[in-house]
Amino acid sequence: MSDKVGVDVNTLVIELSEVKKYVDRLQGSIAQLASELQEIRLSRGALEELSGKSSLETLISLDRRGHTYVRGVISDVKSVIAHIGSDYYAEVPVELAIKLLDKKENDVIQALRMVENELNKALVYYQQLQEVLNKVLRSQQAKST
């Protein structure tokens, strides 16, 4: 009988480990989606700011971290190059670019909610496994004393 309990403990420990890895992956996905959401919102905000101005002097970052900048003048923005899916970009009016960003934002929010729901389920399962493992270990400890 104790042999069977030993196998169950090992199985539970392995399952806990796998669920923990899954939780970590889901948390990573949530972080990526949250970052994507922030980028979309920043892009839309910049477009909205630019669309109301005839000319704007600004600093333009040459990299993602802001290590170097150049001074630039953005004038009369009527269209922008926008990502339209897969690896495709197209020149579109600012209004259409904003609509595309709104759609992307909604898609990312929906994906974020789905992953958060999955994470919640995984965490509940993880907690249940921990409780079962604790009971089995307490039972084993009680039998050995």
N, C-alpha and C. Protein backbone atom coordinates (compact mmCIF):
# COMPACT_ATOMS: atom_id res chain seq x y z
N MET A 1 0.82 -1.19 0.00
CA MET A 1 0.00 0.00 0.00
C MET A 1 0.87 1.26 0.00
N SER A 2 1.94 1.28 0.82
CA SER A 2 2.80 2.46 0.86
C SER A 2 3.50 2.67 -0.48
N ASP A 3 3.75 1.59 -1.22
CA ASP A 3 4.34 1.70 -2.55
C ASP A 3 3.42 2.50 -3.46
N LYS A 4 2.13 2.21 -3.41
CA LYS A 4 1.14 2.91 -4.23
C LYS A 4 1.08 4.39 -3.85
N VAL A 5 1.14 4.67 -2.54
CA VAL A 5 1.13 6.07 -2.08
C VAL A 5 2.38 6.77 -2.58
N GLY A 6 3.54 6.08 -2.56
CA GLY A 6 4.78 6.67 -3.07
C GLY A 6 4.67 7.04 -4.54
N VAL A 7 4.06 6.16 -5.31
CA VAL A 7 3.84 6.45 -6.73
C VAL A 7 2.90 7.65 -6.87
N ASP A 8 1.86 7.68 -6.06
CA ASP A 8 0.93 8.81 -6.11
C ASP A 8 1.63 10.12 -5.77
N VAL A 9 2.50 10.10 -4.78
CA VAL A 9 3.24 11.31 -4.40
C VAL A 9 4.12 11.76 -5.56
N ASN A 10 4.85 10.81 -6.16
CA ASN A 10 5.70 11.16 -7.30
C ASN A 10 4.88 11.71 -8.45
N THR A 11 3.74 11.07 -8.71
CA THR A 11 2.86 11.54 -9.79
C THR A 11 2.36 12.95 -9.49
N LEU A 12 1.97 13.17 -8.24
CA LEU A 12 1.49 14.51 -7.86
C LEU A 12 2.59 15.56 -7.99
N VAL A 13 3.79 15.22 -7.58
CA VAL A 13 4.91 16.16 -7.67
C VAL A 13 5.21 16.49 -9.13
N ILE A 14 5.20 15.48 -9.97
CA ILE A 14 5.43 15.71 -11.41
C ILE A 14 4.32 16.57 -11.99
N GLU A 15 3.09 16.25 -11.65
CA GLU A 15 1.94 17.04 -12.14
C GLU A 15 2.03 18.48 -11.66
N LEU A 16 2.38 18.68 -10.39
CA LEU A 16 2.55 20.04 -9.86
C LEU A 16 3.61 20.79 -10.64
N SER A 17 4.70 20.13 -10.93
CA SER A 17 5.79 20.76 -11.69
C SER A 17 5.32 21.17 -13.09
N GLU A 18 4.59 20.28 -13.73
CA GLU A 18 4.09 20.59 -15.08
C GLU A 18 3.08 21.74 -15.06
N VAL A 19 2.21 21.74 -14.08
CA VAL A 19 1.22 22.83 -13.96
C VAL A 19 1.93 24.14 -13.67
N LYS A 20 2.97 24.10 -12.84
CA LYS A 20 3.74 25.32 -12.53
C LYS A 20 4.38 25.87 -13.80
N LYS A 21 4.93 25.00 -14.64
CA LYS A 21 5.52 25.44 -15.92
C LYS A 21 4.44 26.07 -16.80
N TYR A 22 3.27 25.46 -16.82
CA TYR A 22 2.16 25.98 -17.61
C TYR A 22 1.74 27.36 -17.09
N VAL A 23 1.65 27.50 -15.77
CA VAL A 23 1.31 28.79 -15.16
C VAL A 23 2.35 29.84 -15.56
N ASP A 24 3.62 29.48 -15.51
CA ASP A 24 4.69 30.41 -15.88
C ASP A 24 4.55 30.85 -17.34
N ARG A 25 4.24 29.89 -18.22
CA ARG A 25 4.06 30.24 -19.64
C ARG A 25 2.86 31.17 -19.82
N LEU A 26 1.78 30.90 -19.11
CA LEU A 26 0.60 31.76 -19.21
C LEU A 26 0.92 33.16 -18.70
N GLN A 27 1.65 33.26 -17.61
CA GLN A 27 2.03 34.56 -17.08
C GLN A 27 2.92 35.31 -18.06
N GLY A 28 3.80 34.60 -18.74
CA GLY A 28 4.62 35.21 -19.79
C GLY A 28 3.77 35.72 -20.94
N SER A 29 2.78 34.94 -21.33
CA SER A 29 1.86 35.37 -22.39
C SER A 29 1.09 36.61 -21.99
N ILE A 30 0.66 36.66 -20.74
CA ILE A 30 -0.06 37.83 -20.25
C ILE A 30 0.84 39.06 -20.30
N ALA A 31 2.09 38.90 -19.90
CA ALA A 31 3.03 40.03 -19.94
C ALA A 31 3.23 40.51 -21.37
N GLN A 32 3.36 39.58 -22.32
CA GLN A 32 3.54 39.96 -23.72
C GLN A 32 2.30 40.67 -24.26
N LEU A 33 1.13 40.15 -23.94
CA LEU A 33 -0.11 40.78 -24.41
C LEU A 33 -0.30 42.15 -23.79
N ALA A 34 0.04 42.30 -22.52
CA ALA A 34 -0.08 43.61 -21.85
C ALA A 34 0.89 44.61 -22.49
N SER A 35 2.08 44.16 -22.84
CA SER A 35 3.05 45.02 -23.51
C SER A 35 2.53 45.43 -24.89
N GLU A 36 1.99 44.47 -25.62
CA GLU A 36 1.41 44.75 -26.94
C GLU A 36 0.27 45.76 -26.83
N LEU A 37 -0.56 45.60 -25.83
CA LEU A 37 -1.68 46.52 -25.61
C LEU A 37 -1.17 47.93 -25.35
N GLN A 38 -0.13 48.04 -24.54
CA GLN A 38 0.46 49.35 -24.25
C GLN A 38 1.02 49.98 -25.52
N GLU A 39 1.71 49.19 -26.35
CA GLU A 39 2.27 49.71 -27.59
C GLU A 39 1.17 50.20 -28.54
N ILE A 40 0.09 49.45 -28.64
CA ILE A 40 -1.03 49.85 -29.50
C ILE A 40 -1.61 51.17 -29.03
N ARG A 41 -1.80 51.30 -27.72
CA ARG A 41 -2.37 52.53 -27.17
C ARG A 41 -1.43 53.72 -27.36
N LEU A 42 -0.13 53.49 -27.21
CA LEU A 42 0.84 54.57 -27.45
C LEU A 42 0.81 55.00 -28.92
N SER A 43 0.73 54.03 -29.80
CA SER A 43 0.70 54.33 -31.23
C SER A 43 -0.55 55.14 -31.60
N ARG A 44 -1.70 54.69 -31.07
CA ARG A 44 -2.94 55.42 -31.36
C ARG A 44 -2.88 56.83 -30.80
N GLY A 45 -2.37 56.99 -29.59
CA GLY A 45 -2.24 58.31 -28.99
C GLY A 45 -1.34 59.22 -29.81
N ALA A 46 -0.25 58.68 -30.31
CA ALA A 46 0.66 59.46 -31.15
C ALA A 46 -0.03 59.88 -32.45
N LEU A 47 -0.77 58.96 -33.05
CA LEU A 47 -1.49 59.29 -34.29
C LEU A 47 -2.53 60.38 -34.05
N GLU A 48 -3.25 60.27 -32.95
CA GLU A 48 -4.26 61.28 -32.63
C GLU A 48 -3.61 62.64 -32.41
N GLU A 49 -2.45 62.66 -31.78
CA GLU A 49 -1.72 63.91 -31.56
C GLU A 49 -1.25 64.50 -32.88
N LEU A 50 -0.71 63.65 -33.74
CA LEU A 50 -0.18 64.13 -35.02
C LEU A 50 -1.28 64.61 -35.97
N SER A 51 -2.42 63.96 -35.94
CA SER A 51 -3.45 64.28 -36.92
C SER A 51 -4.02 65.68 -36.73
N GLY A 52 -3.87 66.26 -35.58
CA GLY A 52 -4.41 67.60 -35.34
C GLY A 52 -3.43 68.72 -35.59
N LYS A 53 -2.23 68.42 -36.02
CA LYS A 53 -1.19 69.44 -36.19
C LYS A 53 -0.73 69.51 -37.64
N SER A 54 -0.39 70.72 -38.06
CA SER A 54 0.13 70.86 -39.41
C SER A 54 1.63 70.59 -39.44
N SER A 55 2.30 70.82 -38.30
CA SER A 55 3.73 70.58 -38.21
C SER A 55 4.08 70.34 -36.74
N LEU A 56 5.02 69.43 -36.53
CA LEU A 56 5.41 69.11 -35.17
C LEU A 56 6.90 68.80 -35.14
N GLU A 57 7.65 69.60 -34.36
CA GLU A 57 9.06 69.32 -34.16
C GLU A 57 9.16 68.33 -33.00
N THR A 58 9.96 67.31 -33.20
CA THR A 58 10.02 66.25 -32.19
C THR A 58 11.39 65.59 -32.18
N LEU A 59 11.59 64.78 -31.17
CA LEU A 59 12.77 63.92 -31.13
C LEU A 59 12.32 62.53 -31.57
N ILE A 60 13.09 61.92 -32.44
CA ILE A 60 12.75 60.61 -32.97
C ILE A 60 13.80 59.62 -32.49
N SER A 61 13.35 58.61 -31.77
CA SER A 61 14.26 57.59 -31.25
C SER A 61 14.74 56.70 -32.39
N LEU A 62 16.03 56.40 -32.36
CA LEU A 62 16.60 55.53 -33.38
C LEU A 62 16.60 54.07 -32.96
N ASP A 63 16.14 53.81 -31.73
CA ASP A 63 16.08 52.44 -31.25
C ASP A 63 14.95 52.32 -30.26
N ARG A 64 14.64 51.11 -29.84
CA ARG A 64 13.49 50.88 -28.95
C ARG A 64 13.75 51.33 -27.53
N ARG A 65 15.00 51.42 -27.11
CA ARG A 65 15.32 51.77 -25.73
C ARG A 65 15.59 53.26 -25.53
N GLY A 66 15.65 54.01 -26.60
CA GLY A 66 15.88 55.44 -26.47
C GLY A 66 17.32 55.80 -26.18
N HIS A 67 18.26 55.02 -26.71
CA HIS A 67 19.68 55.32 -26.51
C HIS A 67 20.12 56.52 -27.33
N THR A 68 19.53 56.67 -28.51
CA THR A 68 19.88 57.80 -29.37
C THR A 68 18.63 58.36 -30.04
N TYR A 69 18.67 59.68 -30.26
CA TYR A 69 17.55 60.39 -30.88
C TYR A 69 18.08 61.32 -31.96
N VAL A 70 17.21 61.67 -32.88
CA VAL A 70 17.50 62.74 -33.85
C VAL A 70 16.34 63.72 -33.79
N ARG A 71 16.66 64.97 -34.08
CA ARG A 71 15.60 65.98 -34.16
C ARG A 71 14.93 65.82 -35.52
N GLY A 72 13.62 65.98 -35.53
CA GLY A 72 12.91 65.85 -36.78
C GLY A 72 11.66 66.70 -36.78
N VAL A 73 11.16 66.97 -37.96
CA VAL A 73 9.92 67.72 -38.12
C VAL A 73 8.95 66.82 -38.88
N ILE A 74 7.81 66.62 -38.27
CA ILE A 74 6.75 65.85 -38.92
C ILE A 74 5.73 66.87 -39.38
N SER A 75 5.44 66.83 -40.67
CA SER A 75 4.52 67.85 -41.19
C SER A 75 3.38 67.22 -41.96
N ASP A 76 2.21 67.82 -41.78
CA ASP A 76 1.02 67.50 -42.55
C ASP A 76 0.79 65.99 -42.72
N VAL A 77 0.56 65.32 -41.61
CA VAL A 77 0.37 63.87 -41.64
C VAL A 77 -1.06 63.56 -42.11
N LYS A 78 -1.15 63.04 -43.30
CA LYS A 78 -2.45 62.63 -43.84
C LYS A 78 -2.54 61.11 -43.93
N SER A 79 -1.37 60.48 -44.04
CA SER A 79 -1.34 59.02 -44.11
C SER A 79 -0.11 58.51 -43.38
N VAL A 80 -0.17 57.23 -43.02
CA VAL A 80 0.94 56.58 -42.33
C VAL A 80 1.11 55.18 -42.90
N ILE A 81 2.24 54.58 -42.63
CA ILE A 81 2.46 53.19 -42.99
C ILE A 81 1.99 52.36 -41.79
N ALA A 82 1.01 51.50 -42.00
CA ALA A 82 0.42 50.73 -40.90
C ALA A 82 0.53 49.23 -41.17
N HIS A 83 0.70 48.50 -40.11
CA HIS A 83 0.71 47.03 -40.19
C HIS A 83 -0.73 46.58 -40.43
N ILE A 84 -0.92 45.82 -41.51
CA ILE A 84 -2.29 45.39 -41.85
C ILE A 84 -2.49 43.89 -41.69
N GLY A 85 -1.50 43.19 -41.17
CA GLY A 85 -1.63 41.76 -40.94
C GLY A 85 -0.45 41.00 -41.50
N SER A 86 -0.19 39.86 -40.89
CA SER A 86 0.96 39.02 -41.26
C SER A 86 2.21 39.89 -41.31
N ASP A 87 2.90 39.86 -42.43
CA ASP A 87 4.09 40.70 -42.60
C ASP A 87 3.82 41.85 -43.58
N TYR A 88 2.58 42.30 -43.65
CA TYR A 88 2.20 43.30 -44.63
C TYR A 88 1.95 44.66 -43.99
N TYR A 89 2.41 45.67 -44.69
CA TYR A 89 2.20 47.06 -44.28
C TYR A 89 1.65 47.80 -45.49
N ALA A 90 0.87 48.83 -45.21
CA ALA A 90 0.32 49.62 -46.31
C ALA A 90 0.20 51.08 -45.88
N GLU A 91 0.29 51.95 -46.85
CA GLU A 91 0.06 53.36 -46.57
C GLU A 91 -1.44 53.58 -46.53
N VAL A 92 -1.91 54.09 -45.38
CA VAL A 92 -3.35 54.29 -45.19
C VAL A 92 -3.58 55.66 -44.55
N PRO A 93 -4.79 56.22 -44.73
CA PRO A 93 -5.11 57.47 -44.06
C PRO A 93 -5.05 57.28 -42.54
N VAL A 94 -4.75 58.35 -41.82
CA VAL A 94 -4.62 58.30 -40.36
C VAL A 94 -5.88 57.72 -39.73
N GLU A 95 -7.04 58.13 -40.21
CA GLU A 95 -8.30 57.64 -39.64
C GLU A 95 -8.42 56.12 -39.74
N LEU A 96 -8.00 55.57 -40.87
CA LEU A 96 -8.04 54.12 -41.05
C LEU A 96 -7.01 53.45 -40.14
N ALA A 97 -5.85 54.05 -40.00
CA ALA A 97 -4.82 53.49 -39.12
C ALA A 97 -5.34 53.43 -37.68
N ILE A 98 -6.04 54.46 -37.26
CA ILE A 98 -6.62 54.48 -35.91
C ILE A 98 -7.66 53.37 -35.77
N LYS A 99 -8.48 53.18 -36.79
CA LYS A 99 -9.47 52.08 -36.76
C LYS A 99 -8.78 50.72 -36.69
N LEU A 100 -7.70 50.55 -37.45
CA LEU A 100 -6.95 49.30 -37.41
C LEU A 100 -6.38 49.06 -36.01
N LEU A 101 -5.87 50.13 -35.40
CA LEU A 101 -5.33 50.00 -34.04
C LEU A 101 -6.43 49.68 -33.04
N ASP A 102 -7.60 50.28 -33.22
CA ASP A 102 -8.73 49.97 -32.33
C ASP A 102 -9.11 48.50 -32.43
N LYS A 103 -9.11 47.96 -33.65
CA LYS A 103 -9.44 46.54 -33.83
C LYS A 103 -8.37 45.67 -33.18
N LYS A 104 -7.11 46.03 -33.40
CA LYS A 104 -6.02 45.27 -32.77
C LYS A 104 -6.14 45.32 -31.25
N GLU A 105 -6.47 46.50 -30.73
CA GLU A 105 -6.61 46.64 -29.28
C GLU A 105 -7.71 45.71 -28.75
N ASN A 106 -8.84 45.70 -29.44
CA ASN A 106 -9.94 44.81 -29.03
C ASN A 106 -9.53 43.34 -29.11
N ASP A 107 -8.80 42.97 -30.16
CA ASP A 107 -8.33 41.59 -30.31
C ASP A 107 -7.38 41.21 -29.18
N VAL A 108 -6.47 42.12 -28.84
CA VAL A 108 -5.50 41.84 -27.78
C VAL A 108 -6.21 41.76 -26.43
N ILE A 109 -7.17 42.64 -26.19
CA ILE A 109 -7.92 42.60 -24.93
C ILE A 109 -8.66 41.27 -24.82
N GLN A 110 -9.27 40.83 -25.90
CA GLN A 110 -9.99 39.54 -25.90
C GLN A 110 -9.02 38.40 -25.62
N ALA A 111 -7.87 38.40 -26.27
CA ALA A 111 -6.86 37.36 -26.04
C ALA A 111 -6.36 37.40 -24.60
N LEU A 112 -6.16 38.61 -24.09
CA LEU A 112 -5.70 38.77 -22.71
C LEU A 112 -6.71 38.19 -21.73
N ARG A 113 -7.97 38.44 -21.96
CA ARG A 113 -9.02 37.89 -21.09
C ARG A 113 -9.03 36.37 -21.14
N MET A 114 -8.87 35.81 -22.34
CA MET A 114 -8.87 34.35 -22.48
C MET A 114 -7.69 33.74 -21.72
N VAL A 115 -6.52 34.34 -21.86
CA VAL A 115 -5.33 33.80 -21.19
C VAL A 115 -5.46 33.98 -19.67
N GLU A 116 -6.02 35.11 -19.23
CA GLU A 116 -6.23 35.32 -17.80
C GLU A 116 -7.20 34.28 -17.23
N ASN A 117 -8.26 33.97 -17.98
CA ASN A 117 -9.20 32.93 -17.54
C ASN A 117 -8.51 31.58 -17.45
N GLU A 118 -7.69 31.26 -18.43
CA GLU A 118 -6.95 30.00 -18.42
C GLU A 118 -5.98 29.96 -17.24
N LEU A 119 -5.34 31.10 -16.96
CA LEU A 119 -4.43 31.18 -15.82
C LEU A 119 -5.17 30.94 -14.52
N ASN A 120 -6.34 31.54 -14.39
CA ASN A 120 -7.13 31.33 -13.17
C ASN A 120 -7.48 29.86 -12.98
N LYS A 121 -7.87 29.19 -14.06
CA LYS A 121 -8.19 27.76 -13.99
C LYS A 121 -6.95 26.96 -13.59
N ALA A 122 -5.83 27.28 -14.19
CA ALA A 122 -4.59 26.57 -13.88
C ALA A 122 -4.17 26.78 -12.43
N LEU A 123 -4.36 27.99 -11.92
CA LEU A 123 -4.00 28.26 -10.53
C LEU A 123 -4.90 27.51 -9.56
N VAL A 124 -6.18 27.42 -9.89
CA VAL A 124 -7.11 26.65 -9.05
C VAL A 124 -6.70 25.18 -9.05
N TYR A 125 -6.38 24.64 -10.22
CA TYR A 125 -5.94 23.26 -10.33
C TYR A 125 -4.65 23.02 -9.54
N TYR A 126 -3.72 23.97 -9.66
CA TYR A 126 -2.45 23.88 -8.94
C TYR A 126 -2.70 23.84 -7.43
N GLN A 127 -3.57 24.70 -6.98
CA GLN A 127 -3.89 24.75 -5.55
C GLN A 127 -4.54 23.42 -5.10
N GLN A 128 -5.42 22.88 -5.92
CA GLN A 128 -6.05 21.60 -5.59
C GLN A 128 -5.01 20.49 -5.50
N LEU A 129 -4.08 20.47 -6.44
CA LEU A 129 -3.02 19.47 -6.41
C LEU A 129 -2.17 19.60 -5.15
N GLN A 130 -1.87 20.85 -4.79
CA GLN A 130 -1.09 21.07 -3.57
C GLN A 130 -1.83 20.53 -2.34
N GLU A 131 -3.12 20.76 -2.28
CA GLU A 131 -3.90 20.27 -1.15
C GLU A 131 -3.90 18.75 -1.09
N VAL A 132 -4.07 18.11 -2.23
CA VAL A 132 -4.05 16.64 -2.27
C VAL A 132 -2.68 16.14 -1.84
N LEU A 133 -1.62 16.74 -2.35
CA LEU A 133 -0.27 16.33 -1.99
C LEU A 133 -0.04 16.50 -0.49
N ASN A 134 -0.47 17.62 0.05
CA ASN A 134 -0.32 17.85 1.50
C ASN A 134 -1.06 16.79 2.31
N LYS A 135 -2.26 16.42 1.88
CA LYS A 135 -3.02 15.38 2.58
C LYS A 135 -2.30 14.04 2.53
N VAL A 136 -1.79 13.69 1.38
CA VAL A 136 -1.08 12.42 1.22
C VAL A 136 0.17 12.42 2.10
N LEU A 137 0.89 13.52 2.11
CA LEU A 137 2.11 13.59 2.92
C LEU A 137 1.80 13.53 4.41
N ARG A 138 0.74 14.21 4.83
CA ARG A 138 0.32 14.15 6.24
C ARG A 138 -0.09 12.72 6.60
N SER A 139 -0.77 12.05 5.70
CA SER A 139 -1.21 10.68 5.92
C SER A 139 0.00 9.76 6.07
N GLN A 140 0.98 9.94 5.19
CA GLN A 140 2.20 9.14 5.25
C GLN A 140 2.94 9.40 6.56
N GLN A 141 3.01 10.66 6.94
CA GLN A 141 3.71 11.03 8.16
C GLN A 141 3.00 10.42 9.38
N ALA A 142 1.67 10.45 9.38
CA ALA A 142 0.90 9.88 10.49
C ALA A 142 1.12 8.37 10.57
N LYS A 143 1.23 7.69 9.44
CA LYS A 143 1.44 6.25 9.44
C LYS A 143 2.85 5.88 9.93
N SER A 144 3.81 6.75 9.68
CA SER A 144 5.18 6.42 10.06
C SER A 144 5.47 6.73 11.53
N THR A 145 4.61 7.48 12.19
CA THR A 145 4.83 7.77 13.63
C THR A 145 4.04 6.90 14.55
